[in-house]
């Protein structure tokens, strides 16, 4: 029996990336939040990433554990913030307070971006663009600007797509034993 563990990061990146793209298609103004986005947030972006975080823990990967578990819980709290008021279980958070919520996630992500500087460029793109996304979304909620929200939406589509690319690069490069999709390997 082999004790070699698979790399769980591509699974977590796909959960993050696909859910982020879908939510930001909404933020860019193409369609309303619906059951599809909420289900992706609960299960693939939320529960899936939390499970991946636990898999990273088993591998001794502090960065992966912190990132995937935190962003999985982000998705779960975001869905909760949307659904709890609709179910009559809590009052909706005012926009400016959501701005603080998103700012804190932006601050956390900025620190994670600094940590990503030790890793391939593709990972840096994910965390760098996510930092920008959180601060744009916070600015939207602080100002009420639809234009900032739309810009955030397009930037979020890029962010999610960068996570999908990084995930698929890791899978394909591993499967073929050579670089199929470059990730900008970090210099030692």
Protein backbone atom coordinates (compact mmCIF):
# COMPACT_ATOMS: atom_id res chain seq x y z
CA UNK A 1 0.00 0.00 0.00
CA UNK A 2 1.40 3.41 -1.02
CA UNK A 3 1.55 6.28 1.45
CA UNK A 4 2.04 8.87 -1.31
CA UNK A 5 -0.71 11.46 -1.10
CA UNK A 6 -2.17 13.24 -4.11
CA UNK A 7 -1.91 17.01 -4.40
CA UNK A 8 -5.34 18.34 -3.31
CA UNK A 9 -4.62 21.91 -4.47
CA UNK A 10 -6.06 21.55 -8.00
CA UNK A 11 -9.39 20.41 -6.54
CA UNK A 12 -9.50 23.40 -4.20
CA UNK A 13 -8.44 25.79 -6.96
CA UNK A 14 -11.22 24.49 -9.22
CA UNK A 15 -13.80 24.94 -6.45
CA UNK A 16 -12.54 28.45 -5.85
CA UNK A 17 -12.07 29.33 -9.52
CA UNK A 18 -15.36 28.10 -10.92
CA UNK A 19 -17.39 29.59 -8.07
CA UNK A 20 -15.53 32.90 -8.36
CA UNK A 21 -16.12 33.11 -12.12
CA UNK A 22 -19.84 32.44 -11.68
CA UNK A 23 -20.33 34.99 -8.88
CA UNK A 24 -18.40 37.61 -10.81
CA UNK A 25 -20.41 37.08 -13.98
CA UNK A 26 -23.21 38.27 -11.68
CA UNK A 27 -21.07 41.14 -10.32
CA UNK A 28 -20.30 42.23 -13.89
CA UNK A 29 -24.05 42.59 -14.40
CA UNK A 30 -24.86 39.63 -16.65
CA UNK A 31 -27.38 37.85 -14.39
CA UNK A 32 -28.86 37.85 -10.89
CA UNK A 33 -27.70 35.69 -8.02
CA UNK A 34 -29.64 32.46 -8.21
CA UNK A 35 -29.66 28.90 -6.84
CA UNK A 36 -26.75 27.87 -9.09
CA UNK A 37 -24.37 30.45 -7.60
CA UNK A 38 -25.55 29.71 -4.05
CA UNK A 39 -25.18 25.94 -4.54
CA UNK A 40 -21.67 26.39 -5.97
CA UNK A 41 -20.84 28.61 -3.00
CA UNK A 42 -22.14 26.06 -0.50
CA UNK A 43 -20.71 22.91 -1.99
CA UNK A 44 -17.82 23.37 -4.44
CA UNK A 45 -16.48 26.72 -3.28
CA UNK A 46 -17.41 26.17 0.37
CA UNK A 47 -17.46 22.57 1.55
CA UNK A 48 -15.06 21.44 -1.18
CA UNK A 49 -12.37 23.92 -0.22
CA UNK A 50 -12.73 23.17 3.49
CA UNK A 51 -12.17 19.49 2.72
CA UNK A 52 -9.15 20.36 0.57
CA UNK A 53 -7.80 22.45 3.45
CA UNK A 54 -7.99 19.39 5.68
CA UNK A 55 -6.19 17.35 3.03
CA UNK A 56 -3.45 19.99 2.95
CA UNK A 57 -3.25 19.75 6.74
CA UNK A 58 -2.61 16.01 6.43
CA UNK A 59 0.25 16.78 4.03
CA UNK A 60 1.78 19.36 6.42
CA UNK A 61 0.98 22.27 4.06
CA UNK A 62 0.32 25.28 6.29
CA UNK A 63 -0.21 27.68 3.38
CA UNK A 64 -2.70 25.36 1.66
CA UNK A 65 -4.50 24.56 4.91
CA UNK A 66 -4.90 28.25 5.73
CA UNK A 67 -5.89 29.32 2.21
CA UNK A 68 -8.33 26.57 1.26
CA UNK A 69 -10.01 26.30 4.66
CA UNK A 70 -10.36 30.07 4.97
CA UNK A 71 -11.72 30.65 1.48
CA UNK A 72 -14.05 27.66 1.83
CA UNK A 73 -15.41 29.26 4.98
CA UNK A 74 -15.59 32.60 3.14
CA UNK A 75 -17.94 31.02 0.60
CA UNK A 76 -20.05 29.46 3.35
CA UNK A 77 -20.34 32.76 5.23
CA UNK A 78 -21.14 34.66 2.04
CA UNK A 79 -23.98 32.27 1.23
CA UNK A 80 -25.13 32.62 4.84
CA UNK A 81 -25.11 36.41 4.53
CA UNK A 82 -27.34 36.11 1.48
CA UNK A 83 -29.69 33.38 2.71
CA UNK A 84 -30.17 34.14 6.42
CA UNK A 85 -32.10 37.39 5.78
CA UNK A 86 -34.19 35.71 3.05
CA UNK A 87 -35.12 32.97 5.50
CA UNK A 88 -36.05 35.52 8.16
CA UNK A 89 -33.28 34.31 10.49
CA UNK A 90 -31.25 37.54 10.63
CA UNK A 91 -31.33 41.09 9.36
CA UNK A 92 -29.43 41.84 6.17
CA UNK A 93 -26.06 43.51 6.68
CA UNK A 94 -25.96 47.12 5.45
CA UNK A 95 -23.73 47.74 2.41
CA UNK A 96 -21.10 49.70 4.33
CA UNK A 97 -20.78 46.86 6.85
CA UNK A 98 -20.35 44.41 3.97
CA UNK A 99 -17.57 46.75 2.87
CA UNK A 100 -15.78 46.05 6.14
CA UNK A 101 -16.33 42.30 5.73
CA UNK A 102 -14.78 42.42 2.26
CA UNK A 103 -11.96 44.71 3.44
CA UNK A 104 -10.97 42.20 6.11
CA UNK A 105 -10.92 39.44 3.50
CA UNK A 106 -8.81 41.75 1.32
CA UNK A 107 -6.35 42.29 4.16
CA UNK A 108 -6.12 38.55 4.82
CA UNK A 109 -5.60 37.92 1.11
CA UNK A 110 -2.90 40.59 0.88
CA UNK A 111 -0.94 38.68 3.54
CA UNK A 112 -1.54 35.43 1.65
CA UNK A 113 -0.26 37.16 -1.51
CA UNK A 114 2.99 37.95 0.30
CA UNK A 115 3.22 34.27 1.23
CA UNK A 116 2.56 33.30 -2.40
CA UNK A 117 5.71 35.11 -3.52
CA UNK A 118 7.65 31.95 -2.63
CA UNK A 119 5.60 29.93 -5.14
CA UNK A 120 5.08 29.81 -8.92
CA UNK A 121 3.89 32.95 -10.69
CA UNK A 122 0.49 31.36 -11.39
CA UNK A 123 -0.20 31.19 -7.65
CA UNK A 124 0.89 34.81 -7.30
CA UNK A 125 -1.60 35.82 -10.01
CA UNK A 126 -4.42 34.09 -8.13
CA UNK A 127 -3.64 35.78 -4.81
CA UNK A 128 -2.72 39.15 -6.31
CA UNK A 129 -5.90 39.35 -8.38
CA UNK A 130 -7.99 38.13 -5.43
CA UNK A 131 -6.55 40.87 -3.22
CA UNK A 132 -7.57 43.46 -5.83
CA UNK A 133 -11.00 41.84 -6.16
CA UNK A 134 -11.78 42.01 -2.45
CA UNK A 135 -10.77 45.67 -2.24
CA UNK A 136 -12.80 46.55 -5.36
CA UNK A 137 -15.85 44.79 -3.92
CA UNK A 138 -15.34 46.62 -0.62
CA UNK A 139 -15.09 49.94 -2.50
CA UNK A 140 -18.33 49.08 -4.32
CA UNK A 141 -20.11 48.47 -1.02
CA UNK A 142 -18.67 51.57 0.68
CA UNK A 143 -19.59 53.85 -2.24
CA UNK A 144 -22.61 52.15 -3.82
CA UNK A 145 -20.91 52.54 -7.22
CA UNK A 146 -22.33 50.20 -9.85
CA UNK A 147 -19.33 50.99 -12.07
CA UNK A 148 -16.87 49.78 -9.42
CA UNK A 149 -19.04 46.68 -8.99
CA UNK A 150 -18.94 45.98 -12.73
CA UNK A 151 -15.15 46.49 -12.84
CA UNK A 152 -14.85 44.14 -9.87
CA UNK A 153 -16.95 41.60 -11.74
CA UNK A 154 -14.62 41.55 -14.74
CA UNK A 155 -11.56 41.46 -12.49
CA UNK A 156 -13.16 38.60 -10.55
CA UNK A 157 -13.73 36.63 -13.75
CA UNK A 158 -10.00 37.01 -14.45
CA UNK A 159 -9.16 35.96 -10.88
CA UNK A 160 -11.33 32.86 -11.06
CA UNK A 161 -9.99 31.98 -14.51
CA UNK A 162 -6.41 32.29 -13.19
CA UNK A 163 -7.25 29.76 -10.45
CA UNK A 164 -8.77 27.38 -13.02
CA UNK A 165 -5.65 27.71 -15.19
CA UNK A 166 -3.34 27.04 -12.23
CA UNK A 167 -5.40 23.99 -11.23
CA UNK A 168 -5.42 22.49 -14.71
CA UNK A 169 -1.72 23.26 -15.20
CA UNK A 170 -0.90 21.28 -12.08
CA UNK A 171 -3.08 18.34 -13.17
CA UNK A 172 -1.87 18.21 -16.78
CA UNK A 173 1.79 18.85 -15.95
CA UNK A 174 1.68 16.05 -13.38
CA UNK A 175 -0.15 13.62 -15.64
CA UNK A 176 2.20 14.14 -18.59
CA UNK A 177 5.36 14.48 -16.51
CA UNK A 178 6.33 17.65 -18.36
CA UNK A 179 5.19 21.25 -18.72
CA UNK A 180 1.99 21.36 -20.73
CA UNK A 181 0.78 24.64 -19.22
CA UNK A 182 3.53 26.84 -17.75
CA UNK A 183 3.08 28.14 -14.22
CA UNK A 184 6.20 30.30 -13.89
CA UNK A 185 8.14 28.09 -11.50
CA UNK A 186 9.57 29.94 -8.52
CA UNK A 187 13.31 30.38 -8.55
CA UNK A 188 15.07 28.62 -5.67
